[in-house]
Amino acid sequence: MLISVQFLRALAAWSVVGHHFMQGFFNFEASNALESLFVDKGAIGVDVFFVISGLVIYLATADKALSPGRFMLMRIARIVPAYWFYTLIMILVVAVVPAIFPEARLEPGHVLMSMLFIPAQNPGGFGVYPLLDVGWTLNFEMLFYCLFAFALLVPAAYRLWVVAALLYLVCYIITPAFDLASGFYHEDIIFEFLMGIVIGMLYRRGLCQASAWLPLLGIAAALAAIYHGADIPRALEWGVPSAILVISCVTLERYFQDSRVLKLLGDCSYSVYLIHVLVLAVGRWVADRTGIDPYTILPVCIVLIVLGAYGSYQWLEKASYRTLKRLLGIEGRAIISRQKY
């Protein structure tokens, strides 16, 4: 388990939290440089997540004789329980206190498709999003898992090419031809998973080793590219710098090793990602009703997210994974702490 990857998972999750704080409390209107940074760049946490997903899924399956069915069961057992739990919490909040999510609409068909990771137009009218809107990234994740499951039928050395061919087929041929999921999958961000697979292949071949100055230079270059940006496709503008960040941190793994704090932060990052939308929405609702300054509410929200995510990881994610693994008859060592959401 790579602690450097855990660190990046936590950093990516909290960058998304900052991005959504600016959205919820300020409607993306920044008044200083730090706010502008979260408005303009905070969403890059998603790109880092996708690269990490490709990396850890490749590494976690490279030495295992997993069938496609067994792989999908493990992914479902890992991803679904927490997502369903917070989607149900979202349903309850919208039903009881609709003012917290004034744009949300509860329609049974949309709720069902949200739970099944099927992209659909949100009845609130703001695009192809599930009820718990951060779940849009999980729709991409599930597509990647399904296609990677097919790639398990070939040797590890060829999986990159099989996944790449399948992604291109689904996203650039089938999706446009049949208007699949309202064109949701016709996005170049999907290829960031492939970048992670490439990093995984390089790591397994012992090629992620270098003097510290080189990965540090890579991190500096990636951050500079992210900061300045460019009018190019997202997979190039943010995906490539994200991949450079990941491979640079993996190369620096020896400096991260044995850090229990970073490991725990990474472990909790999936719950941070799922829970923060609910906490920030409640915080915004309280601020609107009381007139409390958003930056007075923010520390309270952060504490609630941290505590909620820790409890969620310990008593929801881990417990449900162990239980479902037993019920589904999944054998072998759990990989919960190494895999992405």
C-alpha atoms as a PDB file:
ATOM      1  CA  MET A   1       0.000   0.000   0.000  1.00  0.00           C
ATOM      2  CA  LEU A   2       1.536   3.281  -1.143  1.00  0.00           C
ATOM      3  CA  ILE A   3       1.336   5.986   1.525  1.00  0.00           C
ATOM      4  CA  SER A   4       2.170   8.602  -1.116  1.00  0.00           C
ATOM      5  CA  VAL A   5      -1.027   7.663  -2.933  1.00  0.00           C
ATOM      6  CA  GLN A   6      -2.967   7.889   0.320  1.00  0.00           C
ATOM      7  CA  PHE A   7      -1.615  11.410   0.784  1.00  0.00           C
ATOM      8  CA  LEU A   8      -2.726  12.415  -2.699  1.00  0.00           C
ATOM      9  CA  ARG A   9      -6.181  10.893  -2.175  1.00  0.00           C
ATOM     10  CA  ALA A  10      -6.663  13.002   0.938  1.00  0.00           C
ATOM     11  CA  LEU A  11      -5.342  16.134  -0.754  1.00  0.00           C
ATOM     12  CA  ALA A  12      -7.611  15.581  -3.747  1.00  0.00           C
ATOM     13  CA  ALA A  13     -10.681  15.043  -1.548  1.00  0.00           C
ATOM     14  CA  TRP A  14     -10.104  18.228   0.408  1.00  0.00           C
ATOM     15  CA  SER A  15      -9.447  20.273  -2.718  1.00  0.00           C
ATOM     16  CA  VAL A  16     -12.921  19.236  -3.886  1.00  0.00           C
ATOM     17  CA  VAL A  17     -14.308  20.253  -0.478  1.00  0.00           C
ATOM     18  CA  GLY A  18     -12.801  23.709  -0.950  1.00  0.00           C
ATOM     19  CA  HIS A  19     -14.235  23.933  -4.450  1.00  0.00           C
ATOM     20  CA  HIS A  20     -17.733  23.070  -3.253  1.00  0.00           C
ATOM     21  CA  PHE A  21     -17.454  25.436  -0.289  1.00  0.00           C
ATOM     22  CA  MET A  22     -16.903  28.265  -2.756  1.00  0.00           C
ATOM     23  CA  GLN A  23     -19.817  27.027  -4.830  1.00  0.00           C
ATOM     24  CA  GLY A  24     -22.262  26.630  -1.975  1.00  0.00           C
ATOM     25  CA  PHE A  25     -21.462  29.740   0.037  1.00  0.00           C
ATOM     26  CA  PHE A  26     -20.241  32.192  -2.620  1.00  0.00           C
ATOM     27  CA  ASN A  27     -21.611  30.865  -5.925  1.00  0.00           C
ATOM     28  CA  PHE A  28     -18.019  30.699  -7.185  1.00  0.00           C
ATOM     29  CA  GLU A  29     -17.471  34.437  -6.694  1.00  0.00           C
ATOM     30  CA  ALA A  30     -13.955  34.812  -5.288  1.00  0.00           C
ATOM     31  CA  SER A  31     -12.661  37.851  -3.443  1.00  0.00           C
ATOM     32  CA  ASN A  32      -9.021  36.842  -2.924  1.00  0.00           C
ATOM     33  CA  ALA A  33      -6.305  34.682  -4.447  1.00  0.00           C
ATOM     34  CA  LEU A  34      -6.976  31.624  -2.265  1.00  0.00           C
ATOM     35  CA  GLU A  35     -10.676  31.655  -3.054  1.00  0.00           C
ATOM     36  CA  SER A  36      -9.864  32.009  -6.756  1.00  0.00           C
ATOM     37  CA  LEU A  37      -7.565  29.011  -6.488  1.00  0.00           C
ATOM     38  CA  PHE A  38     -10.322  26.800  -5.106  1.00  0.00           C
ATOM     39  CA  VAL A  39     -12.873  28.153  -7.585  1.00  0.00           C
ATOM     40  CA  ASP A  40     -10.683  27.650 -10.630  1.00  0.00           C
ATOM     41  CA  LYS A  41      -8.567  24.643  -9.645  1.00  0.00           C
ATOM     42  CA  GLY A  42     -10.272  22.828  -6.770  1.00  0.00           C
ATOM     43  CA  ALA A  43     -12.098  20.443  -9.083  1.00  0.00           C
ATOM     44  CA  ILE A  44      -8.774  18.958 -10.209  1.00  0.00           C
ATOM     45  CA  GLY A  45      -9.104  16.634  -7.230  1.00  0.00           C
ATOM     46  CA  VAL A  46     -11.413  14.543  -9.419  1.00  0.00           C
ATOM     47  CA  ASP A  47      -8.693  14.159 -12.049  1.00  0.00           C
ATOM     48  CA  VAL A  48      -6.204  13.064  -9.404  1.00  0.00           C
ATOM     49  CA  PHE A  49      -8.782  10.524  -8.169  1.00  0.00           C
ATOM     50  CA  PHE A  50      -9.198   9.064 -11.643  1.00  0.00           C
ATOM     51  CA  VAL A  51      -5.461   8.670 -12.190  1.00  0.00           C
ATOM     52  CA  ILE A  52      -5.120   7.035  -8.769  1.00  0.00           C
ATOM     53  CA  SER A  53      -7.995   4.685  -9.610  1.00  0.00           C
ATOM     54  CA  GLY A  54      -6.226   3.411 -12.684  1.00  0.00           C
ATOM     55  CA  LEU A  55      -3.021   2.952 -10.698  1.00  0.00           C
ATOM     56  CA  VAL A  56      -4.432   1.081  -7.699  1.00  0.00           C
ATOM     57  CA  ILE A  57      -6.831  -1.108  -9.668  1.00  0.00           C
ATOM     58  CA  TYR A  58      -3.970  -2.230 -11.914  1.00  0.00           C
ATOM     59  CA  LEU A  59      -1.626  -2.886  -8.984  1.00  0.00           C
ATOM     60  CA  ALA A  60      -4.304  -4.620  -6.913  1.00  0.00           C
ATOM     61  CA  THR A  61      -5.136  -7.092  -9.701  1.00  0.00           C
ATOM     62  CA  ALA A  62      -1.760  -7.634 -11.402  1.00  0.00           C
ATOM     63  CA  ASP A  63      -0.741 -10.587  -9.211  1.00  0.00           C
ATOM     64  CA  LYS A  64      -4.197 -12.053  -8.627  1.00  0.00           C
ATOM     65  CA  ALA A  65      -6.101 -14.648 -10.639  1.00  0.00           C
ATOM     66  CA  LEU A  66      -9.374 -12.729 -10.458  1.00  0.00           C
ATOM     67  CA  SER A  67     -12.333 -13.511 -12.649  1.00  0.00           C
ATOM     68  CA  PRO A  68     -14.309 -10.541 -14.018  1.00  0.00           C
ATOM     69  CA  GLY A  69     -17.257 -11.498 -11.815  1.00  0.00           C
ATOM     70  CA  ARG A  70     -15.167 -11.722  -8.660  1.00  0.00           C
ATOM     71  CA  PHE A  71     -13.516  -8.383  -9.440  1.00  0.00           C
ATOM     72  CA  MET A  72     -16.880  -6.656  -9.890  1.00  0.00           C
ATOM     73  CA  LEU A  73     -18.219  -8.159  -6.668  1.00  0.00           C
ATOM     74  CA  MET A  74     -15.209  -6.779  -4.799  1.00  0.00           C
ATOM     75  CA  ARG A  75     -15.701  -3.347  -6.348  1.00  0.00           C
ATOM     76  CA  ILE A  76     -19.418  -3.349  -5.579  1.00  0.00           C
ATOM     77  CA  ALA A  77     -18.771  -4.414  -1.990  1.00  0.00           C
ATOM     78  CA  ARG A  78     -16.247  -1.593  -1.629  1.00  0.00           C
ATOM     79  CA  ILE A  79     -18.049   1.276  -3.371  1.00  0.00           C
ATOM     80  CA  VAL A  80     -21.795   0.750  -3.138  1.00  0.00           C
ATOM     81  CA  PRO A  81     -22.687   0.619   0.590  1.00  0.00           C
ATOM     82  CA  ALA A  82     -21.356   4.063   1.530  1.00  0.00           C
ATOM     83  CA  TYR A  83     -22.714   5.651  -1.637  1.00  0.00           C
ATOM     84  CA  TRP A  84     -26.158   4.169  -1.095  1.00  0.00           C
ATOM     85  CA  PHE A  85     -26.111   5.162   2.568  1.00  0.00           C
ATOM     86  CA  TYR A  86     -25.388   8.834   1.808  1.00  0.00           C
ATOM     87  CA  THR A  87     -27.838   8.833  -1.075  1.00  0.00           C
ATOM     88  CA  LEU A  88     -30.516   7.642   1.380  1.00  0.00           C
ATOM     89  CA  ILE A  89     -29.461  10.389   3.789  1.00  0.00           C
ATOM     90  CA  MET A  90     -29.839  12.838   0.908  1.00  0.00           C
ATOM     91  CA  ILE A  91     -33.356  11.540   0.215  1.00  0.00           C
ATOM     92  CA  LEU A  92     -34.268  11.968   3.882  1.00  0.00           C
ATOM     93  CA  VAL A  93     -32.888  15.512   4.043  1.00  0.00           C
ATOM     94  CA  VAL A  94     -34.656  16.587   0.837  1.00  0.00           C
ATOM     95  CA  ALA A  95     -37.933  15.084   2.055  1.00  0.00           C
ATOM     96  CA  VAL A  96     -37.811  16.548   5.577  1.00  0.00           C
ATOM     97  CA  VAL A  97     -36.010  19.881   5.090  1.00  0.00           C
ATOM     98  CA  PRO A  98     -36.190  20.670   1.352  1.00  0.00           C
ATOM     99  CA  ALA A  99     -34.764  24.163   1.923  1.00  0.00           C
ATOM    100  CA  ILE A 100     -31.326  22.628   2.521  1.00  0.00           C
ATOM    101  CA  PHE A 101     -31.262  21.422  -1.101  1.00  0.00           C
ATOM    102  CA  PRO A 102     -33.738  23.771  -2.823  1.00  0.00           C
ATOM    103  CA  GLU A 103     -32.703  22.620  -6.293  1.00  0.00           C
ATOM    104  CA  ALA A 104     -33.166  18.893  -5.555  1.00  0.00           C
ATOM    105  CA  ARG A 105     -36.201  16.960  -6.781  1.00  0.00           C
ATOM    106  CA  LEU A 106     -37.163  13.467  -5.659  1.00  0.00           C
ATOM    107  CA  GLU A 107     -38.359  11.441  -8.634  1.00  0.00           C
ATOM    108  CA  PRO A 108     -38.392   7.646  -8.183  1.00  0.00           C
ATOM    109  CA  GLY A 109     -36.958   6.919 -11.631  1.00  0.00           C
ATOM    110  CA  HIS A 110     -34.048   9.292 -11.164  1.00  0.00           C
ATOM    111  CA  VAL A 111     -33.382   8.026  -7.645  1.00  0.00           C
ATOM    112  CA  LEU A 112     -33.257   4.452  -8.929  1.00  0.00           C
ATOM    113  CA  MET A 113     -30.865   5.338 -11.743  1.00  0.00           C
ATOM    114  CA  SER A 114     -28.720   7.253  -9.260  1.00  0.00           C
ATOM    115  CA  MET A 115     -28.456   4.156  -7.065  1.00  0.00           C
ATOM    116  CA  LEU A 116     -27.602   1.966 -10.064  1.00  0.00           C
ATOM    117  CA  PHE A 117     -24.898   4.325 -11.393  1.00  0.00           C
ATOM    118  CA  ILE A 118     -26.859   5.028 -14.571  1.00  0.00           C
ATOM    119  CA  PRO A 119     -26.273   8.617 -15.788  1.00  0.00           C
ATOM    120  CA  ALA A 120     -29.526  10.545 -16.196  1.00  0.00           C
ATOM    121  CA  GLN A 121     -30.731  14.119 -16.388  1.00  0.00           C
ATOM    122  CA  ASN A 122     -31.210  15.517 -12.912  1.00  0.00           C
ATOM    123  CA  PRO A 123     -34.839  16.627 -12.419  1.00  0.00           C
ATOM    124  CA  GLY A 124     -33.465  19.796 -10.824  1.00  0.00           C
ATOM    125  CA  GLY A 125     -32.482  20.859 -14.326  1.00  0.00           C
ATOM    126  CA  PHE A 126     -28.728  21.282 -13.894  1.00  0.00           C
ATOM    127  CA  GLY A 127     -27.373  18.477 -16.046  1.00  0.00           C
ATOM    128  CA  VAL A 128     -26.600  14.772 -15.940  1.00  0.00           C
ATOM    129  CA  TYR A 129     -26.096  14.271 -12.218  1.00  0.00           C
ATOM    130  CA  PRO A 130     -27.311  11.711  -9.683  1.00  0.00           C
ATOM    131  CA  LEU A 131     -29.275  12.797  -6.630  1.00  0.00           C
ATOM    132  CA  LEU A 132     -26.077  12.976  -4.564  1.00  0.00           C
ATOM    133  CA  ASP A 133     -24.410  15.016  -7.252  1.00  0.00           C
ATOM    134  CA  VAL A 134     -20.771  14.105  -6.470  1.00  0.00           C
ATOM    135  CA  GLY A 135     -21.763  10.598  -7.562  1.00  0.00           C
ATOM    136  CA  TRP A 136     -21.238  11.634 -11.182  1.00  0.00           C
ATOM    137  CA  THR A 137     -17.605  10.611 -10.762  1.00  0.00           C
ATOM    138  CA  LEU A 138     -18.696   7.170  -9.548  1.00  0.00           C
ATOM    139  CA  ASN A 139     -20.624   6.714 -12.785  1.00  0.00           C
ATOM    140  CA  PHE A 140     -17.294   7.047 -14.613  1.00  0.00           C
ATOM    141  CA  GLU A 141     -15.649   4.779 -12.049  1.00  0.00           C
ATOM    142  CA  MET A 142     -18.230   2.044 -12.573  1.00  0.00           C
ATOM    143  CA  LEU A 143     -17.778   2.221 -16.340  1.00  0.00           C
ATOM    144  CA  PHE A 144     -14.037   1.860 -15.851  1.00  0.00           C
ATOM    145  CA  TYR A 145     -14.516  -1.101 -13.507  1.00  0.00           C
ATOM    146  CA  CYS A 146     -16.816  -2.859 -15.982  1.00  0.00           C
ATOM    147  CA  LEU A 147     -14.365  -2.430 -18.836  1.00  0.00           C
ATOM    148  CA  PHE A 148     -11.381  -3.371 -16.697  1.00  0.00           C
ATOM    149  CA  ALA A 149     -13.234  -6.538 -15.690  1.00  0.00           C
ATOM    150  CA  PHE A 150     -13.158  -7.625 -19.344  1.00  0.00           C
ATOM    151  CA  ALA A 151      -9.439  -6.839 -19.466  1.00  0.00           C
ATOM    152  CA  LEU A 152      -8.841  -9.362 -16.680  1.00  0.00           C
ATOM    153  CA  LEU A 153      -9.358 -12.056 -19.308  1.00  0.00           C
ATOM    154  CA  VAL A 154      -5.993 -11.175 -20.870  1.00  0.00           C
ATOM    155  CA  PRO A 155      -2.479 -11.115 -19.335  1.00  0.00           C
ATOM    156  CA  ALA A 156      -1.598  -8.042 -17.262  1.00  0.00           C
ATOM    157  CA  ALA A 157       0.832  -6.789 -19.902  1.00  0.00           C
ATOM    158  CA  TYR A 158      -2.026  -6.314 -22.394  1.00  0.00           C
ATOM    159  CA  ARG A 159      -4.680  -4.872 -20.104  1.00  0.00           C
ATOM    160  CA  LEU A 160      -3.806  -1.265 -20.842  1.00  0.00           C
ATOM    161  CA  TRP A 161      -4.500  -1.761 -24.536  1.00  0.00           C
ATOM    162  CA  VAL A 162      -7.712  -3.694 -23.970  1.00  0.00           C
ATOM    163  CA  VAL A 163      -9.080  -1.054 -21.586  1.00  0.00           C
ATOM    164  CA  ALA A 164      -7.997   1.743 -23.937  1.00  0.00           C
ATOM    165  CA  ALA A 165      -9.762   0.111 -26.888  1.00  0.00           C
ATOM    166  CA  LEU A 166     -12.929  -0.496 -24.879  1.00  0.00           C
ATOM    167  CA  LEU A 167     -12.978   3.054 -23.498  1.00  0.00           C
ATOM    168  CA  TYR A 168     -12.575   4.490 -26.969  1.00  0.00           C
ATOM    169  CA  LEU A 169     -15.306   2.217 -28.317  1.00  0.00           C
ATOM    170  CA  VAL A 170     -17.794   3.129 -25.576  1.00  0.00           C
ATOM    171  CA  CYS A 171     -17.010   6.836 -25.269  1.00  0.00           C
ATOM    172  CA  TYR A 172     -16.301   7.850 -28.850  1.00  0.00           C
ATOM    173  CA  ILE A 173     -18.275   5.410 -30.981  1.00  0.00           C
ATOM    174  CA  ILE A 174     -21.184   3.873 -29.044  1.00  0.00           C
ATOM    175  CA  THR A 175     -22.053   6.917 -26.916  1.00  0.00           C
ATOM    176  CA  PRO A 176     -22.327   9.406 -29.833  1.00  0.00           C
ATOM    177  CA  ALA A 177     -23.980   6.879 -32.141  1.00  0.00           C
ATOM    178  CA  PHE A 178     -26.760   5.984 -29.696  1.00  0.00           C
ATOM    179  CA  ASP A 179     -26.724   9.147 -27.556  1.00  0.00           C
ATOM    180  CA  LEU A 180     -25.903   6.860 -24.643  1.00  0.00           C
ATOM    181  CA  ALA A 181     -26.687   8.440 -21.251  1.00  0.00           C
ATOM    182  CA  SER A 182     -27.296  11.837 -22.879  1.00  0.00           C
ATOM    183  CA  GLY A 183     -23.702  11.834 -24.092  1.00  0.00           C
ATOM    184  CA  PHE A 184     -22.386  11.621 -20.525  1.00  0.00           C
ATOM    185  CA  TYR A 185     -19.517   9.259 -21.338  1.00  0.00           C
ATOM    186  CA  HIS A 186     -18.303  11.287 -24.314  1.00  0.00           C
ATOM    187  CA  GLU A 187     -15.672  12.983 -22.151  1.00  0.00           C
ATOM    188  CA  ASP A 188     -11.911  12.824 -22.459  1.00  0.00           C
ATOM    189  CA  ILE A 189     -11.576  12.749 -18.647  1.00  0.00           C
ATOM    190  CA  ILE A 190     -12.209   9.002 -18.892  1.00  0.00           C
ATOM    191  CA  PHE A 191      -8.711   8.492 -20.303  1.00  0.00           C
ATOM    192  CA  GLU A 192      -7.160   9.620 -17.034  1.00  0.00           C
ATOM    193  CA  PHE A 193      -7.756   6.071 -15.789  1.00  0.00           C
ATOM    194  CA  LEU A 194      -5.357   4.893 -18.491  1.00  0.00           C
ATOM    195  CA  MET A 195      -2.685   7.263 -17.205  1.00  0.00           C
ATOM    196  CA  GLY A 196      -2.956   5.554 -13.844  1.00  0.00           C
ATOM    197  CA  ILE A 197      -2.589   2.126 -15.438  1.00  0.00           C
ATOM    198  CA  VAL A 198       0.581   3.293 -17.197  1.00  0.00           C
ATOM    199  CA  ILE A 199       1.995   4.501 -13.883  1.00  0.00           C
ATOM    200  CA  GLY A 200       1.121   1.128 -12.348  1.00  0.00           C
ATOM    201  CA  MET A 201       2.974  -0.690 -15.123  1.00  0.00           C
ATOM    202  CA  LEU A 202       6.032   1.527 -14.667  1.00  0.00           C
ATOM    203  CA  TYR A 203       5.947   0.999 -10.908  1.00  0.00           C
ATOM    204  CA  ARG A 204       5.797  -2.788 -11.225  1.00  0.00           C
ATOM    205  CA  ARG A 205       8.805  -2.696 -13.531  1.00  0.00           C
ATOM    206  CA  GLY A 206      10.828  -0.752 -10.953  1.00  0.00           C
ATOM    207  CA  LEU A 207      10.928   2.396 -13.076  1.00  0.00           C
ATOM    208  CA  CYS A 208       9.498   4.772 -10.458  1.00  0.00           C
ATOM    209  CA  GLN A 209      12.852   5.340  -8.843  1.00  0.00           C
ATOM    210  CA  ALA A 210      14.985   8.468  -9.023  1.00  0.00           C
ATOM    211  CA  SER A 211      16.867  10.985  -6.939  1.00  0.00           C
ATOM    212  CA  ALA A 212      14.534  13.258  -5.022  1.00  0.00           C
ATOM    213  CA  TRP A 213      15.263  16.305  -7.159  1.00  0.00           C
ATOM    214  CA  LEU A 214      13.603  14.779 -10.239  1.00  0.00           C
ATOM    215  CA  PRO A 215      10.143  14.016  -8.754  1.00  0.00           C
ATOM    216  CA  LEU A 216      10.253  17.335  -6.889  1.00  0.00           C
ATOM    217  CA  LEU A 217      10.881  19.039 -10.210  1.00  0.00           C
ATOM    218  CA  GLY A 218       7.974  17.056 -11.651  1.00  0.00           C
ATOM    219  CA  ILE A 219       5.680  18.231  -8.833  1.00  0.00           C
ATOM    220  CA  ALA A 220       6.725  21.844  -9.375  1.00  0.00           C
ATOM    221  CA  ALA A 221       6.148  21.559 -13.125  1.00  0.00           C
ATOM    222  CA  ALA A 222       2.741  19.916 -12.623  1.00  0.00           C
ATOM    223  CA  LEU A 223       1.610  22.577 -10.158  1.00  0.00           C
ATOM    224  CA  ALA A 224       2.787  25.332 -12.515  1.00  0.00           C
ATOM    225  CA  ALA A 225       0.870  23.753 -15.395  1.00  0.00           C
ATOM    226  CA  ILE A 226      -2.255  23.452 -13.251  1.00  0.00           C
ATOM    227  CA  TYR A 227      -1.975  27.047 -12.064  1.00  0.00           C
ATOM    228  CA  HIS A 228      -1.513  28.592 -15.491  1.00  0.00           C
ATOM    229  CA  GLY A 229      -3.887  26.271 -17.354  1.00  0.00           C
ATOM    230  CA  ALA A 230      -4.523  26.206 -21.081  1.00  0.00           C
ATOM    231  CA  ASP A 231      -7.427  26.099 -23.490  1.00  0.00           C
ATOM    232  CA  ILE A 232      -7.036  22.394 -24.237  1.00  0.00           C
ATOM    233  CA  PRO A 233      -9.062  19.243 -23.407  1.00  0.00           C
ATOM    234  CA  ARG A 234      -9.336  18.471 -19.704  1.00  0.00           C
ATOM    235  CA  ALA A 235      -7.406  15.213 -19.948  1.00  0.00           C
ATOM    236  CA  LEU A 236      -4.436  17.244 -21.159  1.00  0.00           C
ATOM    237  CA  GLU A 237      -4.909  20.386 -19.080  1.00  0.00           C
ATOM    238  CA  TRP A 238      -5.498  18.621 -15.746  1.00  0.00           C
ATOM    239  CA  GLY A 239      -5.109  14.914 -16.450  1.00  0.00           C
ATOM    240  CA  VAL A 240      -1.471  15.018 -17.508  1.00  0.00           C
ATOM    241  CA  PRO A 241      -0.374  17.241 -14.577  1.00  0.00           C
ATOM    242  CA  SER A 242      -2.354  14.973 -12.248  1.00  0.00           C
ATOM    243  CA  ALA A 243      -0.516  11.951 -13.634  1.00  0.00           C
ATOM    244  CA  ILE A 244       2.809  13.749 -13.141  1.00  0.00           C
ATOM    245  CA  LEU A 245       1.844  14.506  -9.533  1.00  0.00           C
ATOM    246  CA  VAL A 246       0.959  10.857  -8.928  1.00  0.00           C
ATOM    247  CA  ILE A 247       4.091   9.372 -10.464  1.00  0.00           C
ATOM    248  CA  SER A 248       6.256  11.969  -8.726  1.00  0.00           C
ATOM    249  CA  CYS A 249       4.766  11.172  -5.322  1.00  0.00           C
ATOM    250  CA  VAL A 250       5.066   7.435  -5.970  1.00  0.00           C
ATOM    251  CA  THR A 251       8.745   8.011  -6.771  1.00  0.00           C
ATOM    252  CA  LEU A 252       9.072   9.773  -3.400  1.00  0.00           C
ATOM    253  CA  GLU A 253       7.362   6.893  -1.578  1.00  0.00           C
ATOM    254  CA  ARG A 254      10.349   6.267   0.679  1.00  0.00           C
ATOM    255  CA  TYR A 255       9.752   9.651   2.303  1.00  0.00           C
ATOM    256  CA  PHE A 256       6.095   8.837   3.010  1.00  0.00           C
ATOM    257  CA  GLN A 257       6.521   5.311   4.344  1.00  0.00           C
ATOM    258  CA  ASP A 258       5.185   4.358   7.777  1.00  0.00           C
ATOM    259  CA  SER A 259       3.115   7.540   8.189  1.00  0.00           C
ATOM    260  CA  ARG A 260      -0.026   6.365   9.961  1.00  0.00           C
ATOM    261  CA  VAL A 261      -1.544   9.834   9.773  1.00  0.00           C
ATOM    262  CA  LEU A 262      -1.293  10.026   5.984  1.00  0.00           C
ATOM    263  CA  LYS A 263      -2.607   6.484   5.678  1.00  0.00           C
ATOM    264  CA  LEU A 264      -5.631   7.328   7.820  1.00  0.00           C
ATOM    265  CA  LEU A 265      -6.287  10.525   5.874  1.00  0.00           C
ATOM    266  CA  GLY A 266      -6.273   8.537   2.653  1.00  0.00           C
ATOM    267  CA  ASP A 267      -8.466   5.820   4.124  1.00  0.00           C
ATOM    268  CA  CYS A 268     -11.105   8.397   5.070  1.00  0.00           C
ATOM    269  CA  SER A 269     -11.011  10.266   1.759  1.00  0.00           C
ATOM    270  CA  TYR A 270     -13.903   8.379   0.135  1.00  0.00           C
ATOM    271  CA  SER A 271     -16.186   9.268   3.033  1.00  0.00           C
ATOM    272  CA  VAL A 272     -14.888  12.853   2.978  1.00  0.00           C
ATOM    273  CA  TYR A 273     -15.870  13.002  -0.671  1.00  0.00           C
ATOM    274  CA  LEU A 274     -19.370  11.632  -0.072  1.00  0.00           C
ATOM    275  CA  ILE A 275     -20.239  13.370   3.178  1.00  0.00           C
ATOM    276  CA  HIS A 276     -18.931  16.882   2.551  1.00  0.00           C
ATOM    277  CA  VAL A 277     -21.780  17.878   0.227  1.00  0.00           C
ATOM    278  CA  LEU A 278     -24.337  17.174   2.948  1.00  0.00           C
ATOM    279  CA  VAL A 279     -22.357  18.962   5.655  1.00  0.00           C
ATOM    280  CA  LEU A 280     -21.667  22.045   3.536  1.00  0.00           C
ATOM    281  CA  ALA A 281     -25.320  22.244   2.475  1.00  0.00           C
ATOM    282  CA  VAL A 282     -26.463  22.215   6.097  1.00  0.00           C
ATOM    283  CA  GLY A 283     -23.812  24.808   6.919  1.00  0.00           C
ATOM    284  CA  ARG A 284     -25.023  27.056   4.126  1.00  0.00           C
ATOM    285  CA  TRP A 285     -28.626  26.649   5.274  1.00  0.00           C
ATOM    286  CA  VAL A 286     -27.653  27.629   8.825  1.00  0.00           C
ATOM    287  CA  ALA A 287     -25.664  30.617   7.565  1.00  0.00           C
ATOM    288  CA  ASP A 288     -28.573  31.794   5.430  1.00  0.00           C
ATOM    289  CA  ARG A 289     -31.016  31.546   8.322  1.00  0.00           C
ATOM    290  CA  THR A 290     -28.787  33.095  10.980  1.00  0.00           C
ATOM    291  CA  GLY A 291     -26.585  35.493   9.041  1.00  0.00           C
ATOM    292  CA  ILE A 292     -23.422  33.876  10.409  1.00  0.00           C
ATOM    293  CA  ASP A 293     -20.337  34.582   8.302  1.00  0.00           C
ATOM    294  CA  PRO A 294     -19.374  31.627   6.062  1.00  0.00           C
ATOM    295  CA  TYR A 295     -15.842  31.614   7.450  1.00  0.00           C
ATOM    296  CA  THR A 296     -17.264  31.202  10.939  1.00  0.00           C
ATOM    297  CA  ILE A 297     -19.298  28.220   9.727  1.00  0.00           C
ATOM    298  CA  LEU A 298     -16.384  26.699   7.786  1.00  0.00           C
ATOM    299  CA  PRO A 299     -14.318  25.406  10.783  1.00  0.00           C
ATOM    300  CA  VAL A 300     -17.429  23.740  12.171  1.00  0.00           C
ATOM    301  CA  CYS A 301     -18.074  22.114   8.784  1.00  0.00           C
ATOM    302  CA  ILE A 302     -14.476  20.906   8.580  1.00  0.00           C
ATOM    303  CA  VAL A 303     -14.649  19.339  12.041  1.00  0.00           C
ATOM    304  CA  LEU A 304     -17.950  17.642  11.201  1.00  0.00           C
ATOM    305  CA  ILE A 305     -16.566  16.332   7.897  1.00  0.00           C
ATOM    306  CA  VAL A 306     -13.426  15.006   9.596  1.00  0.00           C
ATOM    307  CA  LEU A 307     -15.326  13.296  12.418  1.00  0.00           C
ATOM    308  CA  GLY A 308     -18.078  12.061  10.125  1.00  0.00           C
ATOM    309  CA  ALA A 309     -15.612  10.688   7.586  1.00  0.00           C
ATOM    310  CA  TYR A 310     -13.587   8.910  10.273  1.00  0.00           C
ATOM    311  CA  GLY A 311     -16.681   7.297  11.744  1.00  0.00           C
ATOM    312  CA  SER A 312     -17.979   6.486   8.273  1.00  0.00           C
ATOM    313  CA  TYR A 313     -14.737   4.761   7.288  1.00  0.00           C
ATOM    314  CA  GLN A 314     -14.445   2.791  10.520  1.00  0.00           C
ATOM    315  CA  TRP A 315     -18.061   1.726  11.015  1.00  0.00           C
ATOM    316  CA  LEU A 316     -19.657   1.937   7.585  1.00  0.00           C
ATOM    317  CA  GLU A 317     -17.050   1.317   4.899  1.00  0.00           C
ATOM    318  CA  LYS A 318     -14.927  -1.282   6.679  1.00  0.00           C
ATOM    319  CA  ALA A 319     -17.825  -3.042   8.365  1.00  0.00           C
ATOM    320  CA  SER A 320     -19.962  -3.233   5.223  1.00  0.00           C
ATOM    321  CA  TYR A 321     -17.012  -4.399   3.132  1.00  0.00           C
ATOM    322  CA  ARG A 322     -16.217  -7.238   5.529  1.00  0.00           C
ATOM    323  CA  THR A 323     -19.865  -8.227   5.789  1.00  0.00           C
ATOM    324  CA  LEU A 324     -20.518  -8.209   2.043  1.00  0.00           C
ATOM    325  CA  LYS A 325     -17.251  -9.967   1.355  1.00  0.00           C
ATOM    326  CA  ARG A 326     -18.379 -12.785   3.635  1.00  0.00           C
ATOM    327  CA  LEU A 327     -21.920 -12.910   2.243  1.00  0.00           C
ATOM    328  CA  LEU A 328     -20.726 -12.839  -1.356  1.00  0.00           C
ATOM    329  CA  GLY A 329     -18.099 -15.477  -0.712  1.00  0.00           C
ATOM    330  CA  ILE A 330     -15.210 -13.263  -1.707  1.00  0.00           C
ATOM    331  CA  GLU A 331     -11.961 -14.771  -0.502  1.00  0.00           C
ATOM    332  CA  GLY A 332      -8.503 -13.342  -0.275  1.00  0.00           C
ATOM    333  CA  ARG A 333      -7.026 -10.401   1.560  1.00  0.00           C
ATOM    334  CA  ALA A 334      -9.088  -7.215   1.644  1.00  0.00           C
ATOM    335  CA  ILE A 335      -7.745  -4.329  -0.384  1.00  0.00           C
ATOM    336  CA  ILE A 336      -9.991  -1.673   1.093  1.00  0.00           C
ATOM    337  CA  SER A 337      -7.215   0.624   2.259  1.00  0.00           C
ATOM    338  CA  ARG A 338      -5.429   0.545  -1.069  1.00  0.00           C
ATOM    339  CA  GLN A 339      -8.222   1.198  -3.460  1.00  0.00           C
ATOM    340  CA  LYS A 340      -9.994   4.270  -4.651  1.00  0.00           C
ATOM    341  CA  TYR A 341     -13.543   5.189  -4.597  1.00  0.00           C
END
